[in-house]
Amino acid sequence: MANIVAWALFFVGIIHLVFGIVRFKRQLAQAVSAGFINQFKEIEAYAAFWFLMSGPPLMLSGHIALHAIAVGDFYSLKTIGIYTFISAIIGVIAFPKSPCWAPLVLSPLLIAAGYGGLQ
């Protein structure tokens, strides 16, 4: 079960990237065509940048959680779960219609796995 949760967190990051590229295609194309550097000043371009930049850390968290499960590193699972939980709470409060609900659901499961509750 813990493996499923870790993979789910990884895939939330992938979904973030794919959705961000599709949703912000115009803003990304404009930034690339204008040279990319310092091209994210408009609010939609700024949102596109940070939305896409949140994908890799989610993927990394899932990847590290998978490794922690494989080696029995429960402390790392708890730590990933706690950080993800706090970030997700802040995200849901700031943007209730955002996809931050997925990490909010997954993070307590990682914390539970860190205490040996999910095998």
N, C-alpha and C. Protein backbone atom coordinates (compact mmCIF):
# COMPACT_ATOMS: atom_id res chain seq x y z
N MET A 1 0.82 -1.20 0.00
CA MET A 1 0.00 0.00 0.00
C MET A 1 0.87 1.27 0.00
N ALA A 2 1.95 1.26 0.79
CA ALA A 2 2.82 2.42 0.84
C ALA A 2 3.42 2.71 -0.54
N ASN A 3 3.76 1.65 -1.28
CA ASN A 3 4.29 1.84 -2.64
C ASN A 3 3.28 2.54 -3.53
N ILE A 4 2.03 2.19 -3.39
CA ILE A 4 0.98 2.81 -4.21
C ILE A 4 0.88 4.30 -3.90
N VAL A 5 0.97 4.64 -2.61
CA VAL A 5 0.89 6.05 -2.21
C VAL A 5 2.09 6.82 -2.76
N ALA A 6 3.28 6.24 -2.65
CA ALA A 6 4.49 6.91 -3.16
C ALA A 6 4.41 7.09 -4.67
N TRP A 7 3.96 6.06 -5.40
CA TRP A 7 3.79 6.19 -6.85
C TRP A 7 2.73 7.23 -7.18
N ALA A 8 1.68 7.28 -6.39
CA ALA A 8 0.62 8.27 -6.63
C ALA A 8 1.18 9.68 -6.49
N LEU A 9 2.02 9.90 -5.48
CA LEU A 9 2.64 11.23 -5.31
C LEU A 9 3.52 11.55 -6.52
N PHE A 10 4.28 10.58 -6.97
CA PHE A 10 5.12 10.76 -8.16
C PHE A 10 4.25 11.15 -9.37
N PHE A 11 3.15 10.44 -9.57
CA PHE A 11 2.28 10.72 -10.71
C PHE A 11 1.53 12.04 -10.58
N VAL A 12 1.29 12.50 -9.36
CA VAL A 12 0.71 13.84 -9.18
C VAL A 12 1.66 14.88 -9.77
N GLY A 13 2.96 14.67 -9.57
CA GLY A 13 3.95 15.57 -10.16
C GLY A 13 3.93 15.53 -11.67
N ILE A 14 3.83 14.34 -12.24
CA ILE A 14 3.76 14.20 -13.70
C ILE A 14 2.50 14.87 -14.23
N ILE A 15 1.38 14.64 -13.56
CA ILE A 15 0.12 15.26 -13.97
C ILE A 15 0.23 16.78 -13.91
N HIS A 16 0.90 17.28 -12.89
CA HIS A 16 1.13 18.72 -12.76
C HIS A 16 1.85 19.25 -14.00
N LEU A 17 2.88 18.55 -14.43
CA LEU A 17 3.64 18.99 -15.60
C LEU A 17 2.80 18.92 -16.87
N VAL A 18 2.14 17.81 -17.08
CA VAL A 18 1.33 17.64 -18.31
C VAL A 18 0.20 18.65 -18.35
N PHE A 19 -0.54 18.77 -17.25
CA PHE A 19 -1.65 19.73 -17.21
C PHE A 19 -1.13 21.16 -17.40
N GLY A 20 -0.01 21.46 -16.75
CA GLY A 20 0.56 22.81 -16.86
C GLY A 20 0.96 23.15 -18.28
N ILE A 21 1.57 22.19 -18.97
CA ILE A 21 1.97 22.42 -20.36
C ILE A 21 0.74 22.63 -21.24
N VAL A 22 -0.29 21.82 -21.03
CA VAL A 22 -1.52 21.96 -21.83
C VAL A 22 -2.24 23.26 -21.49
N ARG A 23 -2.41 23.52 -20.20
CA ARG A 23 -3.17 24.70 -19.74
C ARG A 23 -2.48 26.01 -20.08
N PHE A 24 -1.16 26.03 -19.97
CA PHE A 24 -0.41 27.27 -20.16
C PHE A 24 0.42 27.26 -21.45
N LYS A 25 -0.06 26.55 -22.45
CA LYS A 25 0.67 26.41 -23.72
C LYS A 25 0.99 27.78 -24.33
N ARG A 26 0.02 28.66 -24.35
CA ARG A 26 0.22 29.98 -24.96
C ARG A 26 1.29 30.78 -24.21
N GLN A 27 1.20 30.81 -22.88
CA GLN A 27 2.16 31.57 -22.08
C GLN A 27 3.58 31.01 -22.23
N LEU A 28 3.68 29.68 -22.27
CA LEU A 28 5.00 29.06 -22.43
C LEU A 28 5.57 29.34 -23.81
N ALA A 29 4.73 29.24 -24.84
CA ALA A 29 5.19 29.51 -26.20
C ALA A 29 5.67 30.96 -26.33
N GLN A 30 4.94 31.89 -25.72
CA GLN A 30 5.34 33.30 -25.76
C GLN A 30 6.68 33.51 -25.06
N ALA A 31 6.84 32.87 -23.91
CA ALA A 31 8.09 33.02 -23.16
C ALA A 31 9.27 32.45 -23.93
N VAL A 32 9.09 31.30 -24.55
CA VAL A 32 10.16 30.67 -25.32
C VAL A 32 10.50 31.52 -26.55
N SER A 33 9.48 31.99 -27.25
CA SER A 33 9.73 32.78 -28.45
C SER A 33 10.37 34.13 -28.13
N ALA A 34 10.18 34.62 -26.92
CA ALA A 34 10.77 35.89 -26.51
C ALA A 34 12.13 35.72 -25.84
N GLY A 35 12.65 34.49 -25.84
CA GLY A 35 13.97 34.26 -25.27
C GLY A 35 13.98 33.64 -23.89
N PHE A 36 12.82 33.37 -23.31
CA PHE A 36 12.61 32.68 -22.04
C PHE A 36 13.09 33.46 -20.81
N ILE A 37 14.28 34.03 -20.87
CA ILE A 37 14.84 34.72 -19.71
C ILE A 37 14.02 35.96 -19.38
N ASN A 38 13.57 36.03 -18.14
CA ASN A 38 12.82 37.18 -17.62
C ASN A 38 11.50 37.41 -18.36
N GLN A 39 10.86 36.35 -18.81
CA GLN A 39 9.62 36.46 -19.59
C GLN A 39 8.38 36.06 -18.80
N PHE A 40 8.48 35.95 -17.49
CA PHE A 40 7.34 35.47 -16.70
C PHE A 40 6.84 36.56 -15.75
N LYS A 41 6.67 37.75 -16.29
CA LYS A 41 6.23 38.89 -15.48
C LYS A 41 4.72 39.01 -15.42
N GLU A 42 4.02 38.66 -16.50
CA GLU A 42 2.56 38.72 -16.51
C GLU A 42 2.02 37.67 -15.54
N ILE A 43 0.88 37.94 -14.95
CA ILE A 43 0.34 37.06 -13.91
C ILE A 43 0.10 35.64 -14.42
N GLU A 44 -0.40 35.48 -15.63
CA GLU A 44 -0.64 34.13 -16.16
C GLU A 44 0.67 33.41 -16.46
N ALA A 45 1.65 34.12 -16.96
CA ALA A 45 2.96 33.51 -17.22
C ALA A 45 3.63 33.14 -15.90
N TYR A 46 3.48 34.01 -14.93
CA TYR A 46 4.03 33.76 -13.59
C TYR A 46 3.39 32.51 -12.98
N ALA A 47 2.08 32.42 -13.10
CA ALA A 47 1.35 31.25 -12.59
C ALA A 47 1.79 29.99 -13.33
N ALA A 48 1.97 30.10 -14.64
CA ALA A 48 2.41 28.95 -15.44
C ALA A 48 3.77 28.45 -14.95
N PHE A 49 4.67 29.37 -14.75
CA PHE A 49 6.02 29.00 -14.30
C PHE A 49 5.97 28.25 -12.98
N TRP A 50 5.28 28.80 -11.99
CA TRP A 50 5.28 28.16 -10.67
C TRP A 50 4.44 26.90 -10.63
N PHE A 51 3.40 26.84 -11.44
CA PHE A 51 2.62 25.61 -11.53
C PHE A 51 3.50 24.48 -12.07
N LEU A 52 4.23 24.76 -13.13
CA LEU A 52 5.11 23.76 -13.71
C LEU A 52 6.29 23.43 -12.79
N MET A 53 6.80 24.41 -12.09
CA MET A 53 7.94 24.18 -11.20
C MET A 53 7.58 23.32 -9.98
N SER A 54 6.30 23.22 -9.67
CA SER A 54 5.91 22.38 -8.52
C SER A 54 5.85 20.90 -8.89
N GLY A 55 5.82 20.58 -10.19
CA GLY A 55 5.79 19.18 -10.62
C GLY A 55 7.02 18.38 -10.22
N PRO A 56 8.23 18.86 -10.56
CA PRO A 56 9.42 18.08 -10.21
C PRO A 56 9.61 17.82 -8.71
N PRO A 57 9.35 18.78 -7.81
CA PRO A 57 9.48 18.44 -6.39
C PRO A 57 8.48 17.36 -5.94
N LEU A 58 7.28 17.36 -6.52
CA LEU A 58 6.33 16.30 -6.19
C LEU A 58 6.84 14.95 -6.68
N MET A 59 7.39 14.95 -7.89
CA MET A 59 7.96 13.71 -8.42
C MET A 59 9.14 13.25 -7.56
N LEU A 60 9.98 14.19 -7.18
CA LEU A 60 11.13 13.86 -6.33
C LEU A 60 10.68 13.29 -4.99
N SER A 61 9.66 13.88 -4.40
CA SER A 61 9.14 13.38 -3.13
C SER A 61 8.63 11.95 -3.27
N GLY A 62 7.91 11.69 -4.35
CA GLY A 62 7.44 10.32 -4.59
C GLY A 62 8.58 9.36 -4.81
N HIS A 63 9.58 9.81 -5.55
CA HIS A 63 10.74 8.96 -5.83
C HIS A 63 11.51 8.64 -4.55
N ILE A 64 11.74 9.64 -3.73
CA ILE A 64 12.45 9.40 -2.46
C ILE A 64 11.61 8.52 -1.54
N ALA A 65 10.30 8.72 -1.55
CA ALA A 65 9.43 7.86 -0.74
C ALA A 65 9.53 6.41 -1.19
N LEU A 66 9.60 6.17 -2.49
CA LEU A 66 9.77 4.81 -3.00
C LEU A 66 11.08 4.20 -2.51
N HIS A 67 12.13 4.99 -2.53
CA HIS A 67 13.42 4.50 -2.04
C HIS A 67 13.36 4.22 -0.54
N ALA A 68 12.73 5.14 0.19
CA ALA A 68 12.62 4.97 1.65
C ALA A 68 11.85 3.68 1.98
N ILE A 69 10.82 3.41 1.23
CA ILE A 69 10.05 2.16 1.44
C ILE A 69 10.95 0.95 1.17
N ALA A 70 11.71 1.03 0.08
CA ALA A 70 12.56 -0.10 -0.32
C ALA A 70 13.63 -0.42 0.73
N VAL A 71 14.14 0.60 1.40
CA VAL A 71 15.21 0.36 2.38
C VAL A 71 14.71 0.40 3.83
N GLY A 72 13.41 0.59 4.01
CA GLY A 72 12.84 0.61 5.36
C GLY A 72 13.15 1.87 6.15
N ASP A 73 13.31 2.98 5.46
CA ASP A 73 13.62 4.26 6.10
C ASP A 73 12.32 4.96 6.48
N PHE A 74 11.77 4.58 7.62
CA PHE A 74 10.49 5.13 8.06
C PHE A 74 10.57 6.61 8.41
N TYR A 75 11.71 7.04 8.92
CA TYR A 75 11.88 8.45 9.27
C TYR A 75 11.70 9.33 8.03
N SER A 76 12.30 8.92 6.90
CA SER A 76 12.16 9.72 5.68
C SER A 76 10.72 9.75 5.19
N LEU A 77 10.02 8.63 5.32
CA LEU A 77 8.60 8.61 4.93
C LEU A 77 7.79 9.61 5.74
N LYS A 78 8.02 9.61 7.06
CA LYS A 78 7.31 10.57 7.92
C LYS A 78 7.65 12.00 7.52
N THR A 79 8.93 12.24 7.28
CA THR A 79 9.37 13.60 6.93
C THR A 79 8.75 14.07 5.62
N ILE A 80 8.78 13.21 4.61
CA ILE A 80 8.15 13.56 3.32
C ILE A 80 6.66 13.81 3.53
N GLY A 81 6.02 12.95 4.29
CA GLY A 81 4.59 13.10 4.56
C GLY A 81 4.26 14.40 5.27
N ILE A 82 5.06 14.75 6.26
CA ILE A 82 4.81 15.97 7.04
C ILE A 82 5.00 17.21 6.18
N TYR A 83 6.10 17.27 5.45
CA TYR A 83 6.35 18.43 4.59
C TYR A 83 5.28 18.56 3.50
N THR A 84 4.91 17.43 2.91
CA THR A 84 3.87 17.45 1.88
C THR A 84 2.54 17.87 2.47
N PHE A 85 2.24 17.40 3.66
CA PHE A 85 0.98 17.74 4.33
C PHE A 85 0.90 19.24 4.60
N ILE A 86 1.96 19.80 5.15
CA ILE A 86 1.97 21.24 5.46
C ILE A 86 1.84 22.05 4.17
N SER A 87 2.59 21.67 3.14
CA SER A 87 2.51 22.39 1.86
C SER A 87 1.11 22.29 1.26
N ALA A 88 0.52 21.11 1.34
CA ALA A 88 -0.82 20.91 0.77
C ALA A 88 -1.86 21.72 1.53
N ILE A 89 -1.76 21.78 2.84
CA ILE A 89 -2.71 22.59 3.62
C ILE A 89 -2.62 24.06 3.21
N ILE A 90 -1.41 24.57 3.10
CA ILE A 90 -1.23 25.96 2.69
C ILE A 90 -1.80 26.16 1.28
N GLY A 91 -1.53 25.21 0.38
CA GLY A 91 -2.05 25.30 -0.99
C GLY A 91 -3.56 25.28 -1.05
N VAL A 92 -4.18 24.41 -0.28
CA VAL A 92 -5.64 24.31 -0.28
C VAL A 92 -6.28 25.57 0.33
N ILE A 93 -5.67 26.10 1.35
CA ILE A 93 -6.19 27.34 1.95
C ILE A 93 -6.06 28.50 0.96
N ALA A 94 -4.91 28.59 0.32
CA ALA A 94 -4.67 29.70 -0.61
C ALA A 94 -5.47 29.55 -1.90
N PHE A 95 -5.58 28.31 -2.39
CA PHE A 95 -6.26 28.04 -3.66
C PHE A 95 -7.18 26.83 -3.50
N PRO A 96 -8.39 27.02 -2.94
CA PRO A 96 -9.28 25.88 -2.69
C PRO A 96 -9.63 25.07 -3.94
N LYS A 97 -9.59 25.66 -5.10
CA LYS A 97 -9.93 24.94 -6.33
C LYS A 97 -8.70 24.34 -7.01
N SER A 98 -7.58 24.32 -6.31
CA SER A 98 -6.34 23.81 -6.89
C SER A 98 -6.24 22.29 -6.73
N PRO A 99 -5.26 21.68 -7.40
CA PRO A 99 -5.05 20.24 -7.24
C PRO A 99 -4.28 19.89 -5.96
N CYS A 100 -4.16 20.82 -5.05
CA CYS A 100 -3.45 20.53 -3.79
C CYS A 100 -4.20 19.52 -2.93
N TRP A 101 -5.42 19.20 -3.31
CA TRP A 101 -6.18 18.20 -2.55
C TRP A 101 -5.54 16.83 -2.66
N ALA A 102 -4.93 16.52 -3.80
CA ALA A 102 -4.32 15.19 -3.97
C ALA A 102 -3.19 14.96 -2.97
N PRO A 103 -2.21 15.87 -2.86
CA PRO A 103 -1.18 15.67 -1.84
C PRO A 103 -1.73 15.72 -0.42
N LEU A 104 -2.82 16.47 -0.23
CA LEU A 104 -3.43 16.54 1.10
C LEU A 104 -3.98 15.18 1.51
N VAL A 105 -4.48 14.42 0.55
CA VAL A 105 -4.99 13.07 0.82
C VAL A 105 -3.84 12.07 0.96
N LEU A 106 -2.82 12.21 0.12
CA LEU A 106 -1.72 11.25 0.11
C LEU A 106 -0.76 11.41 1.29
N SER A 107 -0.53 12.62 1.73
CA SER A 107 0.48 12.86 2.76
C SER A 107 0.18 12.18 4.11
N PRO A 108 -1.06 12.17 4.61
CA PRO A 108 -1.28 11.42 5.86
C PRO A 108 -1.01 9.92 5.70
N LEU A 109 -1.21 9.41 4.49
CA LEU A 109 -0.91 8.00 4.25
C LEU A 109 0.59 7.75 4.30
N LEU A 110 1.38 8.70 3.82
CA LEU A 110 2.84 8.57 3.93
C LEU A 110 3.28 8.66 5.38
N ILE A 111 2.65 9.54 6.12
CA ILE A 111 2.97 9.66 7.55
C ILE A 111 2.64 8.34 8.26
N ALA A 112 1.48 7.79 7.95
CA ALA A 112 1.10 6.51 8.54
C ALA A 112 2.10 5.41 8.16
N ALA A 113 2.55 5.43 6.90
CA ALA A 113 3.55 4.44 6.46
C ALA A 113 4.84 4.63 7.24
N GLY A 114 5.16 5.87 7.56
CA GLY A 114 6.36 6.16 8.34
C GLY A 114 6.29 5.63 9.75
N TYR A 115 5.10 5.43 10.23
CA TYR A 115 4.91 4.83 11.56
C TYR A 115 4.66 3.34 11.46
N GLY A 116 4.81 2.78 10.26
CA GLY A 116 4.61 1.35 10.06
C GLY A 116 3.16 0.97 9.88
N GLY A 117 2.30 1.95 9.64
CA GLY A 117 0.86 1.68 9.54
C GLY A 117 0.40 1.14 8.20
N LEU A 118 1.17 1.35 7.15
CA LEU A 118 0.80 0.84 5.82
C LEU A 118 1.91 -0.08 5.34
N GLN A 119 1.56 -1.25 5.02
CA GLN A 119 2.58 -2.19 4.51
C GLN A 119 2.24 -2.58 3.16
